[in-house]
Amino acid sequence: MNTNPFTQIATQDGVQYAWLRQSLNDFEMAKILLTANKWDGTCYHAQQALEKLLKFVPCDAGQAQPATSPLSQTLDILREVYEHQ
């Protein structure tokens, strides 16, 4: 039984949860590659997991998030979300 709260949340419908599911998939791939000593792939998927998780947060708060955007833009959107809470 998986008790990870992110996994449970990710089963919901909605664009924001798709970001979370993709993030969890990338994180799982990073863990698999890490155990195989595949460092480049581990770093790539870990970075992708974090970036997609950062896109999930503003989407979950109702803020539109473009599918492709520089990380700096994602961080600006995150800053806006937390400043208005």
Protein backbone atom coordinates (compact mmCIF):
# COMPACT_ATOMS: atom_id res chain seq x y z
CA MET A 1 0.00 0.00 0.00
CA ASN A 2 1.42 3.37 -1.06
CA THR A 3 0.89 5.94 1.66
CA ASN A 4 2.57 8.81 -0.18
CA PRO A 5 0.08 11.71 0.07
CA PHE A 6 1.21 13.11 -3.28
CA THR A 7 0.35 9.82 -4.97
CA GLN A 8 -3.12 9.91 -3.43
CA ILE A 9 -3.68 13.54 -4.46
CA ALA A 10 -2.42 12.85 -8.00
CA THR A 11 -5.32 10.48 -8.72
CA GLN A 12 -7.75 13.41 -8.92
CA ASP A 13 -8.94 14.89 -12.21
CA GLY A 14 -7.63 18.22 -13.44
CA VAL A 15 -4.70 19.75 -15.26
CA GLN A 16 -2.85 20.51 -12.04
CA TYR A 17 -2.97 16.84 -11.04
CA ALA A 18 -1.54 15.86 -14.43
CA TRP A 19 1.50 18.00 -13.54
CA LEU A 20 1.75 16.18 -10.23
CA ARG A 21 1.44 12.74 -11.86
CA GLN A 22 4.15 13.63 -14.38
CA SER A 23 6.35 14.88 -11.55
CA LEU A 24 5.91 11.65 -9.61
CA ASN A 25 6.68 9.59 -12.74
CA ASP A 26 9.90 11.54 -13.35
CA PHE A 27 10.90 11.15 -9.70
CA GLU A 28 10.31 7.39 -9.88
CA MET A 29 12.43 7.22 -13.04
CA ALA A 30 15.20 9.21 -11.31
CA LYS A 31 15.21 6.71 -8.43
CA ILE A 32 15.42 3.76 -10.84
CA LEU A 33 18.29 5.35 -12.76
CA LEU A 34 20.09 6.23 -9.51
CA THR A 35 20.15 2.58 -8.43
CA ALA A 36 21.63 1.73 -11.85
CA ASN A 37 24.34 4.41 -11.47
CA LYS A 38 23.03 6.27 -14.52
CA TRP A 39 23.94 9.75 -13.32
CA ASP A 40 22.98 11.83 -16.36
CA GLY A 41 19.54 10.27 -16.53
CA THR A 42 19.11 10.57 -12.77
CA CYS A 43 19.90 14.28 -12.83
CA TYR A 44 17.66 14.90 -15.84
CA HIS A 45 14.61 13.17 -14.38
CA ALA A 46 15.16 14.68 -10.92
CA GLN A 47 15.26 18.16 -12.49
CA GLN A 48 12.13 17.40 -14.53
CA ALA A 49 10.32 16.11 -11.42
CA LEU A 50 11.07 19.31 -9.53
CA GLU A 51 10.11 21.58 -12.41
CA LYS A 52 6.77 19.80 -12.88
CA LEU A 53 6.11 19.91 -9.14
CA LEU A 54 6.74 23.66 -9.23
CA LYS A 55 4.17 23.94 -12.05
CA PHE A 56 1.63 21.95 -10.01
CA VAL A 57 1.59 24.41 -7.10
CA PRO A 58 0.31 27.53 -8.94
CA CYS A 59 -2.10 25.43 -11.01
CA ASP A 60 -3.54 24.00 -7.81
CA ALA A 61 -4.01 27.56 -6.55
CA GLY A 62 -5.98 28.44 -9.71
CA GLN A 63 -3.16 30.24 -11.53
CA ALA A 64 -2.71 29.40 -15.21
CA GLN A 65 0.62 27.78 -15.97
CA PRO A 66 1.94 27.49 -19.53
CA ALA A 67 3.04 24.00 -20.54
CA THR A 68 6.40 25.32 -21.66
CA SER A 69 8.03 28.19 -19.84
CA PRO A 70 11.44 29.06 -18.46
CA LEU A 71 11.98 28.06 -14.85
CA SER A 72 12.38 31.75 -13.96
CA GLN A 73 8.82 32.40 -15.18
CA THR A 74 7.51 29.47 -13.14
CA LEU A 75 9.25 30.88 -10.06
CA ASP A 76 7.73 34.33 -10.71
CA ILE A 77 4.27 32.75 -10.86
CA LEU A 78 4.95 30.87 -7.63
CA ARG A 79 6.04 34.11 -5.97
CA GLU A 80 2.78 35.79 -7.05
CA VAL A 81 0.70 32.92 -5.67
CA TYR A 82 2.36 33.07 -2.26
CA GLU A 83 2.31 36.88 -2.04
CA HIS A 84 -1.48 36.88 -2.53
CA GLN A 85 -2.24 34.31 0.16
